[in-house]
Structure formats: C-alpha cells, structure tokens
PDB file of all heavy atoms in Angstrom:
ATOM      1  N   VAL A   1     -44.561 -32.911 -41.944  1.00  0.00           N
ATOM      2  CA  VAL A   1     -43.961 -32.235 -40.803  1.00  0.00           C
ATOM      3  C   VAL A   1     -42.451 -32.153 -40.970  1.00  0.00           C
ATOM      4  O   VAL A   1     -41.805 -33.091 -41.460  1.00  0.00           O
ATOM      5  CB  VAL A   1     -44.339 -32.941 -39.475  1.00  0.00           C
ATOM      6  CG1 VAL A   1     -43.822 -34.364 -39.440  1.00  0.00           C
ATOM      7  CG2 VAL A   1     -43.853 -32.147 -38.267  1.00  0.00           C
ATOM      8  N   HIS A   2     -41.896 -31.015 -40.585  1.00  0.00           N
ATOM      9  CA  HIS A   2     -40.454 -30.782 -40.631  1.00  0.00           C
ATOM     10  C   HIS A   2     -40.019 -30.220 -39.282  1.00  0.00           C
ATOM     11  O   HIS A   2     -40.717 -29.386 -38.699  1.00  0.00           O
ATOM     12  CB  HIS A   2     -40.114 -29.782 -41.744  1.00  0.00           C
ATOM     13  CG  HIS A   2     -38.670 -29.383 -41.774  1.00  0.00           C
ATOM     14  ND1 HIS A   2     -37.677 -30.211 -42.250  1.00  0.00           N
ATOM     15  CD2 HIS A   2     -38.056 -28.239 -41.368  1.00  0.00           C
ATOM     16  CE1 HIS A   2     -36.514 -29.597 -42.147  1.00  0.00           C
ATOM     17  NE2 HIS A   2     -36.705 -28.406 -41.613  1.00  0.00           N
ATOM     18  N   PHE A   3     -38.874 -30.659 -38.787  1.00  0.00           N
ATOM     19  CA  PHE A   3     -38.391 -30.242 -37.474  1.00  0.00           C
ATOM     20  C   PHE A   3     -37.113 -29.416 -37.607  1.00  0.00           C
ATOM     21  O   PHE A   3     -36.199 -29.778 -38.354  1.00  0.00           O
ATOM     22  CB  PHE A   3     -38.107 -31.462 -36.593  1.00  0.00           C
ATOM     23  CG  PHE A   3     -39.319 -32.304 -36.329  1.00  0.00           C
ATOM     24  CD1 PHE A   3     -39.634 -33.387 -37.147  1.00  0.00           C
ATOM     25  CD2 PHE A   3     -40.163 -32.015 -35.264  1.00  0.00           C
ATOM     26  CE1 PHE A   3     -40.752 -34.162 -36.905  1.00  0.00           C
ATOM     27  CE2 PHE A   3     -41.278 -32.781 -35.015  1.00  0.00           C
ATOM     28  CZ  PHE A   3     -41.580 -33.856 -35.839  1.00  0.00           C
ATOM     29  N   THR A   4     -37.058 -28.319 -36.865  1.00  0.00           N
ATOM     30  CA  THR A   4     -35.863 -27.485 -36.805  1.00  0.00           C
ATOM     31  C   THR A   4     -35.508 -27.229 -35.351  1.00  0.00           C
ATOM     32  O   THR A   4     -36.293 -26.624 -34.614  1.00  0.00           O
ATOM     33  CB  THR A   4     -36.074 -26.136 -37.512  1.00  0.00           C
ATOM     34  OG1 THR A   4     -36.357 -26.358 -38.894  1.00  0.00           O
ATOM     35  CG2 THR A   4     -34.830 -25.256 -37.384  1.00  0.00           C
ATOM     36  N   ARG A   5     -34.361 -27.694 -34.915  1.00  0.00           N
ATOM     37  CA  ARG A   5     -33.899 -27.459 -33.546  1.00  0.00           C
ATOM     38  C   ARG A   5     -32.962 -26.265 -33.535  1.00  0.00           C
ATOM     39  O   ARG A   5     -32.079 -26.155 -34.390  1.00  0.00           O
ATOM     40  CB  ARG A   5     -33.174 -28.694 -33.005  1.00  0.00           C
ATOM     41  CG  ARG A   5     -32.906 -28.639 -31.509  1.00  0.00           C
ATOM     42  CD  ARG A   5     -32.091 -29.827 -31.046  1.00  0.00           C
ATOM     43  NE  ARG A   5     -30.691 -29.681 -31.394  1.00  0.00           N
ATOM     44  CZ  ARG A   5     -29.906 -30.682 -31.815  1.00  0.00           C
ATOM     45  NH1 ARG A   5     -30.400 -31.898 -31.969  1.00  0.00           N
ATOM     46  NH2 ARG A   5     -28.635 -30.455 -32.099  1.00  0.00           N
ATOM     47  N   ILE A   6     -33.163 -25.372 -32.565  1.00  0.00           N
ATOM     48  CA  ILE A   6     -32.279 -24.225 -32.392  1.00  0.00           C
ATOM     49  C   ILE A   6     -31.592 -24.353 -31.041  1.00  0.00           C
ATOM     50  O   ILE A   6     -32.252 -24.384 -29.995  1.00  0.00           O
ATOM     51  CB  ILE A   6     -33.058 -22.899 -32.501  1.00  0.00           C
ATOM     52  CG1 ILE A   6     -33.603 -22.739 -33.927  1.00  0.00           C
ATOM     53  CG2 ILE A   6     -32.161 -21.714 -32.129  1.00  0.00           C
ATOM     54  CD1 ILE A   6     -34.348 -21.459 -34.180  1.00  0.00           C
ATOM     55  N   ASP A   7     -30.287 -24.459 -31.064  1.00  0.00           N
ATOM     56  CA  ASP A   7     -29.506 -24.682 -29.848  1.00  0.00           C
ATOM     57  C   ASP A   7     -29.195 -23.370 -29.130  1.00  0.00           C
ATOM     58  O   ASP A   7     -29.370 -22.279 -29.672  1.00  0.00           O
ATOM     59  CB  ASP A   7     -28.209 -25.410 -30.193  1.00  0.00           C
ATOM     60  CG  ASP A   7     -28.454 -26.826 -30.710  1.00  0.00           C
ATOM     61  OD1 ASP A   7     -29.560 -27.365 -30.473  1.00  0.00           O
ATOM     62  OD2 ASP A   7     -27.549 -27.384 -31.360  1.00  0.00           O
ATOM     63  N   ASP A   8     -28.728 -23.517 -27.880  1.00  0.00           N
ATOM     64  CA  ASP A   8     -28.350 -22.379 -27.031  1.00  0.00           C
ATOM     65  C   ASP A   8     -29.537 -21.457 -26.790  1.00  0.00           C
ATOM     66  O   ASP A   8     -29.417 -20.230 -26.836  1.00  0.00           O
ATOM     67  CB  ASP A   8     -27.180 -21.607 -27.640  1.00  0.00           C
ATOM     68  CG  ASP A   8     -25.952 -22.482 -27.811  1.00  0.00           C
ATOM     69  OD1 ASP A   8     -25.630 -23.238 -26.869  1.00  0.00           O
ATOM     70  OD2 ASP A   8     -25.319 -22.427 -28.887  1.00  0.00           O
ATOM     71  N   SER A   9     -30.673 -22.058 -26.536  1.00  0.00           N
ATOM     72  CA  SER A   9     -31.883 -21.286 -26.292  1.00  0.00           C
ATOM     73  C   SER A   9     -32.745 -22.014 -25.282  1.00  0.00           C
ATOM     74  O   SER A   9     -32.767 -23.242 -25.226  1.00  0.00           O
ATOM     75  CB  SER A   9     -32.671 -21.096 -27.592  1.00  0.00           C
ATOM     76  OG  SER A   9     -33.899 -20.423 -27.350  1.00  0.00           O
ATOM     77  N   TYR A  10     -33.475 -21.227 -24.480  1.00  0.00           N
ATOM     78  CA  TYR A  10     -34.519 -21.790 -23.637  1.00  0.00           C
ATOM     79  C   TYR A  10     -35.838 -21.719 -24.413  1.00  0.00           C
ATOM     80  O   TYR A  10     -35.841 -21.665 -25.640  1.00  0.00           O
ATOM     81  CB  TYR A  10     -34.612 -21.032 -22.321  1.00  0.00           C
ATOM     82  CG  TYR A  10     -33.435 -21.187 -21.373  1.00  0.00           C
ATOM     83  CD1 TYR A  10     -33.408 -20.478 -20.181  1.00  0.00           C
ATOM     84  CD2 TYR A  10     -32.355 -22.032 -21.662  1.00  0.00           C
ATOM     85  CE1 TYR A  10     -32.338 -20.595 -19.304  1.00  0.00           C
ATOM     86  CE2 TYR A  10     -31.293 -22.156 -20.785  1.00  0.00           C
ATOM     87  CZ  TYR A  10     -31.284 -21.430 -19.612  1.00  0.00           C
ATOM     88  OH  TYR A  10     -30.224 -21.547 -18.740  1.00  0.00           O
ATOM     89  N   HIS A  11     -36.943 -21.695 -23.703  1.00  0.00           N
ATOM     90  CA  HIS A  11     -38.269 -21.793 -24.314  1.00  0.00           C
ATOM     91  C   HIS A  11     -38.569 -20.641 -25.273  1.00  0.00           C
ATOM     92  O   HIS A  11     -39.183 -20.829 -26.322  1.00  0.00           O
ATOM     93  CB  HIS A  11     -39.316 -21.847 -23.191  1.00  0.00           C
ATOM     94  CG  HIS A  11     -40.723 -21.958 -23.653  1.00  0.00           C
ATOM     95  ND1 HIS A  11     -41.139 -22.889 -24.569  1.00  0.00           N
ATOM     96  CD2 HIS A  11     -41.834 -21.257 -23.293  1.00  0.00           C
ATOM     97  CE1 HIS A  11     -42.452 -22.763 -24.764  1.00  0.00           C
ATOM     98  NE2 HIS A  11     -42.886 -21.782 -24.008  1.00  0.00           N
ATOM     99  N   PHE A  12     -38.149 -19.427 -24.929  1.00  0.00           N
ATOM    100  CA  PHE A  12     -38.447 -18.265 -25.760  1.00  0.00           C
ATOM    101  C   PHE A  12     -37.348 -18.081 -26.810  1.00  0.00           C
ATOM    102  O   PHE A  12     -36.469 -17.228 -26.682  1.00  0.00           O
ATOM    103  CB  PHE A  12     -38.615 -17.018 -24.884  1.00  0.00           C
ATOM    104  CG  PHE A  12     -39.913 -17.008 -24.144  1.00  0.00           C
ATOM    105  CD1 PHE A  12     -40.029 -17.643 -22.920  1.00  0.00           C
ATOM    106  CD2 PHE A  12     -41.028 -16.383 -24.677  1.00  0.00           C
ATOM    107  CE1 PHE A  12     -41.233 -17.650 -22.241  1.00  0.00           C
ATOM    108  CE2 PHE A  12     -42.238 -16.388 -24.006  1.00  0.00           C
ATOM    109  CZ  PHE A  12     -42.335 -17.027 -22.780  1.00  0.00           C
ATOM    110  N   ILE A  13     -37.426 -18.863 -27.857  1.00  0.00           N
ATOM    111  CA  ILE A  13     -36.384 -18.865 -28.882  1.00  0.00           C
ATOM    112  C   ILE A  13     -36.265 -17.499 -29.542  1.00  0.00           C
ATOM    113  O   ILE A  13     -35.174 -17.052 -29.895  1.00  0.00           O
ATOM    114  CB  ILE A  13     -36.689 -19.949 -29.936  1.00  0.00           C
ATOM    115  CG1 ILE A  13     -36.928 -21.306 -29.268  1.00  0.00           C
ATOM    116  CG2 ILE A  13     -35.526 -20.065 -30.924  1.00  0.00           C
ATOM    117  CD1 ILE A  13     -37.416 -22.376 -30.222  1.00  0.00           C
ATOM    118  N   MET A  14     -37.402 -16.826 -29.718  1.00  0.00           N
ATOM    119  CA  MET A  14     -37.384 -15.526 -30.389  1.00  0.00           C
ATOM    120  C   MET A  14     -36.617 -14.475 -29.590  1.00  0.00           C
ATOM    121  O   MET A  14     -36.155 -13.479 -30.134  1.00  0.00           O
ATOM    122  CB  MET A  14     -38.815 -15.038 -30.677  1.00  0.00           C
ATOM    123  CG  MET A  14     -39.662 -14.796 -29.444  1.00  0.00           C
ATOM    124  SD  MET A  14     -40.316 -16.315 -28.696  1.00  0.00           S
ATOM    125  CE  MET A  14     -41.573 -16.752 -29.874  1.00  0.00           C
ATOM    126  N   ILE A  15     -36.455 -14.695 -28.292  1.00  0.00           N
ATOM    127  CA  ILE A  15     -35.661 -13.802 -27.448  1.00  0.00           C
ATOM    128  C   ILE A  15     -34.198 -14.238 -27.413  1.00  0.00           C
ATOM    129  O   ILE A  15     -33.290 -13.438 -27.595  1.00  0.00           O
ATOM    130  CB  ILE A  15     -36.214 -13.767 -26.014  1.00  0.00           C
ATOM    131  CG1 ILE A  15     -37.606 -13.164 -25.990  1.00  0.00           C
ATOM    132  CG2 ILE A  15     -35.276 -12.996 -25.082  1.00  0.00           C
ATOM    133  CD1 ILE A  15     -38.234 -13.134 -24.603  1.00  0.00           C
ATOM    134  N   ASP A  16     -33.986 -15.522 -27.204  1.00  0.00           N
ATOM    135  CA  ASP A  16     -32.623 -16.014 -26.990  1.00  0.00           C
ATOM    136  C   ASP A  16     -31.813 -16.145 -28.279  1.00  0.00           C
ATOM    137  O   ASP A  16     -30.593 -15.976 -28.267  1.00  0.00           O
ATOM    138  CB  ASP A  16     -32.665 -17.366 -26.277  1.00  0.00           C
ATOM    139  CG  ASP A  16     -33.168 -17.263 -24.850  1.00  0.00           C
ATOM    140  OD1 ASP A  16     -33.012 -16.183 -24.250  1.00  0.00           O
ATOM    141  OD2 ASP A  16     -33.713 -18.258 -24.329  1.00  0.00           O
ATOM    142  N   GLN A  17     -32.491 -16.453 -29.388  1.00  0.00           N
ATOM    143  CA  GLN A  17     -31.783 -16.626 -30.668  1.00  0.00           C
ATOM    144  C   GLN A  17     -32.600 -15.981 -31.790  1.00  0.00           C
ATOM    145  O   GLN A  17     -33.095 -16.662 -32.702  1.00  0.00           O
ATOM    146  CB  GLN A  17     -31.580 -18.123 -30.954  1.00  0.00           C
ATOM    147  CG  GLN A  17     -30.619 -18.825 -30.019  1.00  0.00           C
ATOM    148  CD  GLN A  17     -29.186 -18.374 -30.213  1.00  0.00           C
ATOM    149  OE1 GLN A  17     -28.826 -17.773 -31.225  1.00  0.00           O
ATOM    150  NE2 GLN A  17     -28.332 -18.675 -29.240  1.00  0.00           N
ATOM    151  N   PRO A  18     -32.780 -14.667 -31.763  1.00  0.00           N
ATOM    152  CA  PRO A  18     -33.670 -14.021 -32.735  1.00  0.00           C
ATOM    153  C   PRO A  18     -33.231 -14.184 -34.186  1.00  0.00           C
ATOM    154  O   PRO A  18     -34.079 -14.328 -35.073  1.00  0.00           O
ATOM    155  CB  PRO A  18     -33.662 -12.550 -32.307  1.00  0.00           C
ATOM    156  CG  PRO A  18     -32.419 -12.388 -31.495  1.00  0.00           C
ATOM    157  CD  PRO A  18     -32.208 -13.697 -30.809  1.00  0.00           C
ATOM    158  N   GLU A  19     -31.913 -14.159 -34.452  1.00  0.00           N
ATOM    159  CA  GLU A  19     -31.462 -14.273 -35.837  1.00  0.00           C
ATOM    160  C   GLU A  19     -31.690 -15.682 -36.381  1.00  0.00           C
ATOM    161  O   GLU A  19     -32.218 -15.868 -37.484  1.00  0.00           O
ATOM    162  CB  GLU A  19     -29.981 -13.887 -35.944  1.00  0.00           C
ATOM    163  CG  GLU A  19     -29.706 -12.426 -35.638  1.00  0.00           C
ATOM    164  CD  GLU A  19     -30.501 -11.486 -36.539  1.00  0.00           C
ATOM    165  OE1 GLU A  19     -30.616 -11.783 -37.742  1.00  0.00           O
ATOM    166  OE2 GLU A  19     -31.001 -10.467 -36.044  1.00  0.00           O
ATOM    167  N   LYS A  20     -31.307 -16.682 -35.611  1.00  0.00           N
ATOM    168  CA  LYS A  20     -31.534 -18.074 -36.041  1.00  0.00           C
ATOM    169  C   LYS A  20     -33.027 -18.358 -36.162  1.00  0.00           C
ATOM    170  O   LYS A  20     -33.467 -19.052 -37.089  1.00  0.00           O
ATOM    171  CB  LYS A  20     -30.892 -19.045 -35.049  1.00  0.00           C
ATOM    172  CG  LYS A  20     -29.373 -19.034 -35.045  1.00  0.00           C
ATOM    173  CD  LYS A  20     -28.838 -20.034 -34.036  1.00  0.00           C
ATOM    174  CE  LYS A  20     -27.322 -20.024 -33.988  1.00  0.00           C
ATOM    175  NZ  LYS A  20     -26.806 -20.984 -32.962  1.00  0.00           N
ATOM    176  N   PHE A  21     -33.791 -17.829 -35.224  1.00  0.00           N
ATOM    177  CA  PHE A  21     -35.228 -18.041 -35.258  1.00  0.00           C
ATOM    178  C   PHE A  21     -35.842 -17.402 -36.502  1.00  0.00           C
ATOM    179  O   PHE A  21     -36.652 -18.019 -37.202  1.00  0.00           O
ATOM    180  CB  PHE A  21     -35.865 -17.457 -33.994  1.00  0.00           C
ATOM    181  CG  PHE A  21     -37.360 -17.570 -33.971  1.00  0.00           C
ATOM    182  CD1 PHE A  21     -37.975 -18.791 -33.771  1.00  0.00           C
ATOM    183  CD2 PHE A  21     -38.163 -16.454 -34.154  1.00  0.00           C
ATOM    184  CE1 PHE A  21     -39.362 -18.904 -33.751  1.00  0.00           C
ATOM    185  CE2 PHE A  21     -39.538 -16.546 -34.137  1.00  0.00           C
ATOM    186  CZ  PHE A  21     -40.144 -17.773 -33.938  1.00  0.00           C
ATOM    187  N   GLY A  22     -35.450 -16.170 -36.793  1.00  0.00           N
ATOM    188  CA  GLY A  22     -35.981 -15.488 -37.963  1.00  0.00           C
ATOM    189  C   GLY A  22     -35.674 -16.244 -39.247  1.00  0.00           C
ATOM    190  O   GLY A  22     -36.535 -16.377 -40.120  1.00  0.00           O
ATOM    191  N   ARG A  23     -34.455 -16.745 -39.359  1.00  0.00           N
ATOM    192  CA  ARG A  23     -34.086 -17.514 -40.559  1.00  0.00           C
ATOM    193  C   ARG A  23     -34.907 -18.793 -40.669  1.00  0.00           C
ATOM    194  O   ARG A  23     -35.320 -19.184 -41.774  1.00  0.00           O
ATOM    195  CB  ARG A  23     -32.596 -17.834 -40.540  1.00  0.00           C
ATOM    196  CG  ARG A  23     -31.700 -16.614 -40.794  1.00  0.00           C
ATOM    197  CD  ARG A  23     -30.278 -17.036 -41.133  1.00  0.00           C
ATOM    198  NE  ARG A  23     -29.620 -17.720 -40.021  1.00  0.00           N
ATOM    199  CZ  ARG A  23     -28.909 -17.121 -39.088  1.00  0.00           C
ATOM    200  NH1 ARG A  23     -28.769 -15.791 -39.100  1.00  0.00           N
ATOM    201  NH2 ARG A  23     -28.314 -17.818 -38.132  1.00  0.00           N
ATOM    202  N   ALA A  24     -35.158 -19.447 -39.540  1.00  0.00           N
ATOM    203  CA  ALA A  24     -35.940 -20.680 -39.562  1.00  0.00           C
ATOM    204  C   ALA A  24     -37.377 -20.413 -39.994  1.00  0.00           C
ATOM    205  O   ALA A  24     -37.968 -21.186 -40.760  1.00  0.00           O
ATOM    206  CB  ALA A  24     -35.910 -21.337 -38.180  1.00  0.00           C
ATOM    207  N   VAL A  25     -37.958 -19.327 -39.507  1.00  0.00           N
ATOM    208  CA  VAL A  25     -39.321 -18.981 -39.898  1.00  0.00           C
ATOM    209  C   VAL A  25     -39.377 -18.628 -41.380  1.00  0.00           C
ATOM    210  O   VAL A  25     -40.279 -19.084 -42.108  1.00  0.00           O
ATOM    211  CB  VAL A  25     -39.857 -17.819 -39.049  1.00  0.00           C
ATOM    212  CG1 VAL A  25     -41.180 -17.290 -39.607  1.00  0.00           C
ATOM    213  CG2 VAL A  25     -40.050 -18.275 -37.596  1.00  0.00           C
ATOM    214  N   GLU A  26     -38.436 -17.831 -41.847  1.00  0.00           N
ATOM    215  CA  GLU A  26     -38.433 -17.441 -43.258  1.00  0.00           C
ATOM    216  C   GLU A  26     -38.261 -18.659 -44.161  1.00  0.00           C
ATOM    217  O   GLU A  26     -38.890 -18.745 -45.223  1.00  0.00           O
ATOM    218  CB  GLU A  26     -37.333 -16.415 -43.507  1.00  0.00           C
ATOM    219  CG  GLU A  26     -37.656 -15.042 -42.893  1.00  0.00           C
ATOM    220  CD  GLU A  26     -36.528 -14.042 -43.072  1.00  0.00           C
ATOM    221  OE1 GLU A  26     -35.352 -14.427 -42.900  1.00  0.00           O
ATOM    222  OE2 GLU A  26     -36.820 -12.888 -43.391  1.00  0.00           O
ATOM    223  N   ALA A  27     -37.444 -19.613 -43.741  1.00  0.00           N
ATOM    224  CA  ALA A  27     -37.271 -20.835 -44.519  1.00  0.00           C
ATOM    225  C   ALA A  27     -38.563 -21.639 -44.571  1.00  0.00           C
ATOM    226  O   ALA A  27     -38.900 -22.244 -45.600  1.00  0.00           O
ATOM    227  CB  ALA A  27     -36.146 -21.671 -43.928  1.00  0.00           C
ATOM    228  N   ALA A  28     -39.294 -21.658 -43.479  1.00  0.00           N
ATOM    229  CA  ALA A  28     -40.573 -22.381 -43.425  1.00  0.00           C
ATOM    230  C   ALA A  28     -41.641 -21.684 -44.251  1.00  0.00           C
ATOM    231  O   ALA A  28     -42.533 -22.343 -44.807  1.00  0.00           O
ATOM    232  CB  ALA A  28     -41.035 -22.525 -41.991  1.00  0.00           C
TER     233      ALA A  28
END
C-alpha cells in the first residue's frame, strides 16, 4: 500500500485539484 495526500481539496479531489489528481493517478 502507498499513500498520497492531496492538499487544498475536499472529498472530490478530481474536481478540486484535477492536475494534482491526474499526476497522482498516472504515477500509480
């Protein structure tokens, strides 16, 4: 298991931080 926290976001990370979220998914 690996954990990635994305700050400045509420529950819907893909809405609030789409660029950071996309990079995290691509890295995974």
